[in-house]
Amino acid sequence: MRLDKLLAEGLGLSRADAKRLLASGAVTVEGTPVRSAAEKADPEAQRVCANGRRVELRGNVFLMMNKPLGVVSATRDAAARTALDLVPEPLRRKGLFPAGRLDKYSEGMLLLTDDGDFAHRLLSPRSRLPKVYEVWLDAPVADAALAEVFRAGAYLGGGESASPAILEPIAPDHARVTIFEGIYHEVRRMFDQNGAHVTRLVRVQIGGLPLDPALAPGQVRELTQEELRLLLTEEGGDANACGDERL
């Protein structure tokens, strides 16, 4: 691998910064200073160091965040804190972004990665990956009759309807909702069209992976390999049953 590419990926630098680092004489391969960006090295077989510290290729990162209120699911925002602002320095990577969104006034499970293919698998409408939310309402409408409306595909207004969803009442004004699509403000709009306003919305599960209860609002941690496997399964919801009803 070219040294400028190795330094860029291993240290999270731009190619231009990697070339400047090489030109400064701070990079060695097996103890020998190297200044040429075109020089090649194998980071697994050779010891490549920058400023005396070994450079190793880092794999993609997959993070779980418990997003708090007031934080936007974006890489940058001029008026509000972003999800990336909450990621501690050791977990930051060049190209890190939220794989999906929670609006500023929603809370709970948000995934971040620097792997575009992984994000596409999560977000593709064809995946029908279940997403589970707990909602609190300003009116007692979470009942069996509304559950049937959700299962049939609730009207969202403006001539648009949601895909079939699962509504599980917890209390008259508190419920769990599982959706399989991702229309803009889908959960809030389903309730708005049926006599209630969502006062609090918390995403508690994606696919077969629940939000870690040990993560306080604003905290972030890496996913384990087992959690990545769970994430892309449907163990957390009756996805096939609900999806088949729409066919």
Protein backbone atom coordinates (compact mmCIF):
# COMPACT_ATOMS: atom_id res chain seq x y z
CA MET A 1 0.00 0.00 0.00
CA ARG A 2 1.23 3.49 -0.81
CA LEU A 3 2.48 5.26 2.29
CA ASP A 4 0.31 8.34 1.83
CA LYS A 5 -2.78 6.10 1.65
CA LEU A 6 -1.63 4.06 4.65
CA LEU A 7 -1.05 7.18 6.75
CA ALA A 8 -4.35 8.72 5.66
CA GLU A 9 -6.34 5.62 6.63
CA GLY A 10 -4.35 4.74 9.72
CA LEU A 11 -4.17 8.24 11.20
CA GLY A 12 -7.39 9.72 9.81
CA LEU A 13 -5.52 12.30 7.72
CA SER A 14 -6.19 13.76 4.32
CA ARG A 15 -3.83 12.63 1.57
CA ALA A 16 -2.33 16.13 1.51
CA ASP A 17 -1.62 16.03 5.25
CA ALA A 18 -0.14 12.54 4.91
CA LYS A 19 2.25 13.81 2.23
CA ARG A 20 3.27 16.73 4.44
CA LEU A 21 3.94 14.33 7.30
CA LEU A 22 6.14 12.23 5.02
CA ALA A 23 8.00 15.29 3.77
CA SER A 24 8.78 16.29 7.35
CA GLY A 25 10.81 13.13 7.86
CA ALA A 26 8.57 11.92 10.70
CA VAL A 27 7.72 8.60 9.03
CA THR A 28 9.89 5.48 9.18
CA VAL A 29 9.54 2.00 7.70
CA GLU A 30 11.46 -0.62 9.67
CA GLY A 31 13.39 2.23 11.29
CA THR A 32 14.41 3.91 8.03
CA PRO A 33 13.03 7.40 7.33
CA VAL A 34 10.90 7.54 4.17
CA ARG A 35 9.76 10.77 2.53
CA SER A 36 8.19 9.54 -0.69
CA ALA A 37 4.40 9.25 -0.75
CA ALA A 38 4.67 6.69 -3.55
CA GLU A 39 6.81 4.34 -1.44
CA LYS A 40 4.90 1.20 -0.52
CA ALA A 41 4.74 -0.74 2.74
CA ASP A 42 2.83 -3.66 4.19
CA PRO A 43 1.51 -2.57 7.62
CA GLU A 44 1.06 -6.20 8.69
CA ALA A 45 4.57 -7.31 7.77
CA GLN A 46 6.52 -4.08 8.29
CA ARG A 47 6.74 -1.63 11.17
CA VAL A 48 5.56 1.76 9.96
CA CYS A 49 5.89 4.60 12.47
CA ALA A 50 4.95 8.26 12.51
CA ASN A 51 6.54 10.49 15.14
CA GLY A 52 7.75 7.36 16.90
CA ARG A 53 4.34 5.67 17.12
CA ARG A 54 3.32 2.65 15.06
CA VAL A 55 0.72 3.23 12.36
CA GLU A 56 -1.86 0.49 11.96
CA LEU A 57 -4.82 0.28 9.62
CA ARG A 58 -8.05 0.72 11.50
CA GLY A 59 -11.12 -1.22 10.48
CA ASN A 60 -14.53 0.34 10.12
CA VAL A 61 -16.16 1.56 13.28
CA PHE A 62 -19.73 0.79 14.38
CA LEU A 63 -21.11 2.78 17.30
CA MET A 64 -24.27 2.81 19.38
CA MET A 65 -25.37 6.12 20.89
CA ASN A 66 -28.17 6.94 23.29
CA LYS A 67 -29.11 10.22 21.62
CA PRO A 68 -30.44 12.84 24.02
CA LEU A 69 -33.01 15.55 23.32
CA GLY A 70 -31.79 18.61 21.45
CA VAL A 71 -29.08 16.79 19.48
CA VAL A 72 -29.43 16.54 15.70
CA SER A 73 -28.54 13.45 13.68
CA ALA A 74 -26.06 15.18 11.42
CA THR A 75 -22.33 15.54 10.92
CA ARG A 76 -22.46 19.32 11.34
CA ASP A 77 -25.02 21.97 12.22
CA ALA A 78 -24.51 25.69 12.77
CA ALA A 79 -27.27 26.01 15.36
CA ALA A 80 -27.31 22.80 17.41
CA ARG A 81 -25.10 20.06 18.82
CA THR A 82 -24.72 17.11 16.50
CA ALA A 83 -24.39 13.41 17.19
CA LEU A 84 -20.75 13.61 16.10
CA ASP A 85 -20.08 16.25 18.75
CA LEU A 86 -20.85 13.61 21.39
CA VAL A 87 -18.46 10.96 20.07
CA PRO A 88 -15.33 10.79 22.27
CA GLU A 89 -12.01 11.33 20.53
CA PRO A 90 -10.80 7.68 20.72
CA LEU A 91 -13.88 6.56 18.74
CA ARG A 92 -13.78 9.26 16.07
CA ARG A 93 -12.97 8.37 12.50
CA LYS A 94 -12.74 10.33 9.30
CA GLY A 95 -16.03 9.85 7.44
CA LEU A 96 -18.08 8.94 10.53
CA PHE A 97 -21.80 9.66 10.09
CA PRO A 98 -25.19 8.66 11.55
CA ALA A 99 -26.64 5.57 9.86
CA GLY A 100 -30.21 6.81 9.98
CA ARG A 101 -31.81 9.67 11.82
CA LEU A 102 -33.69 10.65 14.93
CA ASP A 103 -35.11 14.15 14.89
CA LYS A 104 -33.97 16.79 17.35
CA TYR A 105 -36.89 16.11 19.69
CA SER A 106 -36.57 12.31 19.74
CA GLU A 107 -34.30 10.20 21.92
CA GLY A 108 -32.70 6.79 22.04
CA MET A 109 -30.79 4.43 19.82
CA LEU A 110 -28.74 5.99 17.04
CA LEU A 111 -26.08 4.10 15.08
CA LEU A 112 -22.97 5.72 13.63
CA THR A 113 -20.41 4.28 11.25
CA ASP A 114 -17.85 5.10 8.59
CA ASP A 115 -18.96 2.12 6.49
CA GLY A 116 -21.26 3.24 3.68
CA ASP A 117 -22.17 -0.31 2.62
CA PHE A 118 -23.23 -1.18 6.15
CA ALA A 119 -25.37 1.96 6.39
CA HIS A 120 -27.02 1.13 3.07
CA ARG A 121 -27.97 -2.32 4.36
CA LEU A 122 -29.58 -0.72 7.41
CA LEU A 123 -31.41 2.02 5.55
CA SER A 124 -32.48 0.34 2.32
CA PRO A 125 -36.31 0.13 2.13
CA ARG A 126 -35.88 -3.40 0.81
CA SER A 127 -34.37 -4.54 4.09
CA ARG A 128 -37.57 -3.78 6.04
CA LEU A 129 -35.48 -3.75 9.20
CA PRO A 130 -37.79 -3.33 12.21
CA LYS A 131 -37.32 -0.25 14.39
CA VAL A 132 -39.00 -0.18 17.78
CA TYR A 133 -40.05 2.97 19.65
CA GLU A 134 -41.63 3.73 22.97
CA VAL A 135 -44.04 6.66 22.78
CA TRP A 136 -45.90 8.76 25.33
CA LEU A 137 -49.07 10.55 24.23
CA ASP A 138 -51.17 13.53 25.30
CA ALA A 139 -54.42 11.55 24.90
CA PRO A 140 -55.51 7.98 25.78
CA VAL A 141 -55.60 6.42 22.31
CA ALA A 142 -53.18 3.49 22.50
CA ASP A 143 -55.82 0.73 22.37
CA ALA A 144 -56.71 -2.43 20.48
CA ALA A 145 -58.78 -0.59 17.88
CA LEU A 146 -55.87 1.69 16.98
CA ALA A 147 -53.57 -1.34 16.86
CA GLU A 148 -55.70 -2.64 13.99
CA VAL A 149 -55.43 0.71 12.21
CA PHE A 150 -51.64 0.59 12.50
CA ARG A 151 -51.53 -3.03 11.32
CA ALA A 152 -53.48 -2.07 8.19
CA GLY A 153 -51.18 0.90 7.47
CA ALA A 154 -52.21 4.12 9.20
CA TYR A 155 -53.02 7.23 7.17
CA LEU A 156 -50.33 9.92 7.49
CA GLY A 157 -52.10 12.83 5.83
CA GLY A 158 -51.43 14.40 2.45
CA GLY A 159 -52.63 11.28 0.65
CA GLU A 160 -49.84 9.16 2.18
CA SER A 161 -50.15 6.00 4.25
CA ALA A 162 -47.59 4.14 6.33
CA SER A 163 -46.57 0.55 5.84
CA PRO A 164 -48.21 -1.89 8.25
CA ALA A 165 -46.87 -1.34 11.77
CA ILE A 166 -47.23 -3.02 15.15
CA LEU A 167 -48.77 -1.08 18.04
CA GLU A 168 -48.50 -2.65 21.50
CA PRO A 169 -50.35 -0.66 24.18
CA ILE A 170 -48.53 -0.39 27.50
CA ALA A 171 -50.97 2.08 29.05
CA PRO A 172 -53.72 4.26 27.49
CA ASP A 173 -51.18 7.01 26.82
CA HIS A 174 -48.02 4.86 26.46
CA ALA A 175 -47.16 2.29 23.78
CA ARG A 176 -44.49 0.47 21.81
CA VAL A 177 -44.55 0.91 18.05
CA THR A 178 -42.61 -1.17 15.52
CA ILE A 179 -42.21 0.18 11.99
CA PHE A 180 -40.56 -1.37 8.94
CA GLU A 181 -40.03 1.57 6.64
CA GLY A 182 -38.84 5.04 7.60
CA ILE A 183 -41.14 7.73 6.25
CA TYR A 184 -40.47 11.26 7.53
CA HIS A 185 -41.84 11.60 11.10
CA GLU A 186 -43.82 8.40 10.50
CA VAL A 187 -44.61 7.47 14.11
CA ARG A 188 -45.61 11.01 15.11
CA ARG A 189 -47.81 11.40 12.03
CA MET A 190 -49.59 8.08 12.60
CA PHE A 191 -50.73 9.28 16.02
CA ASP A 192 -51.46 12.82 14.83
CA GLN A 193 -53.99 11.40 12.38
CA ASN A 194 -55.63 9.36 15.12
CA GLY A 195 -56.34 11.89 17.84
CA ALA A 196 -53.11 12.18 19.82
CA HIS A 197 -49.83 14.05 19.85
CA VAL A 198 -46.58 12.28 20.75
CA THR A 199 -45.04 14.03 23.76
CA ARG A 200 -42.00 11.78 24.00
CA LEU A 201 -40.46 9.33 21.53
CA VAL A 202 -37.57 6.98 22.33
CA ARG A 203 -36.11 4.46 19.88
CA VAL A 204 -35.34 1.33 21.87
CA GLN A 205 -34.39 -1.26 19.23
CA ILE A 206 -33.17 -1.68 15.65
CA GLY A 207 -33.40 -5.11 14.05
CA GLY A 208 -32.71 -7.67 16.76
CA LEU A 209 -30.50 -5.29 18.76
CA PRO A 210 -31.94 -3.37 21.73
CA LEU A 211 -30.55 -0.12 23.09
CA ASP A 212 -28.01 -0.86 25.82
CA PRO A 213 -29.75 0.13 29.09
CA ALA A 214 -26.34 0.97 30.57
CA LEU A 215 -25.85 3.80 28.06
CA ALA A 216 -26.88 7.09 29.62
CA PRO A 217 -28.20 9.84 27.31
CA GLY A 218 -25.26 11.18 25.32
CA GLN A 219 -23.05 8.15 25.84
CA VAL A 220 -21.52 6.16 22.97
CA ARG A 221 -19.79 2.79 22.70
CA GLU A 222 -18.60 0.39 20.01
CA LEU A 223 -20.77 -2.52 18.93
CA THR A 224 -19.52 -6.06 19.41
CA GLN A 225 -19.45 -8.57 16.55
CA GLU A 226 -22.38 -10.41 18.13
CA GLU A 227 -24.35 -7.16 18.29
CA LEU A 228 -23.64 -6.48 14.61
CA ARG A 229 -25.06 -9.92 13.83
CA LEU A 230 -28.17 -9.26 15.92
CA LEU A 231 -28.63 -5.86 14.34
CA LEU A 232 -29.24 -7.28 10.90
CA THR A 233 -31.69 -9.95 12.03
CA GLU A 234 -35.40 -9.56 12.66
CA GLU A 235 -35.38 -11.16 16.09
CA GLY A 236 -36.80 -8.01 17.65
CA GLY A 237 -40.08 -7.91 15.75
CA ASP A 238 -42.69 -9.84 13.78
CA ALA A 239 -41.45 -8.40 10.52
CA ASN A 240 -42.64 -11.15 8.21
CA ALA A 241 -46.12 -11.32 9.64
CA CYS A 242 -46.68 -7.60 9.35
CA GLY A 243 -45.02 -7.32 5.96
CA ASP A 244 -47.05 -10.14 4.44
CA GLU A 245 -50.32 -8.39 5.25
CA ARG A 246 -49.49 -5.60 2.85
CA LEU A 247 -49.00 -7.93 -0.13
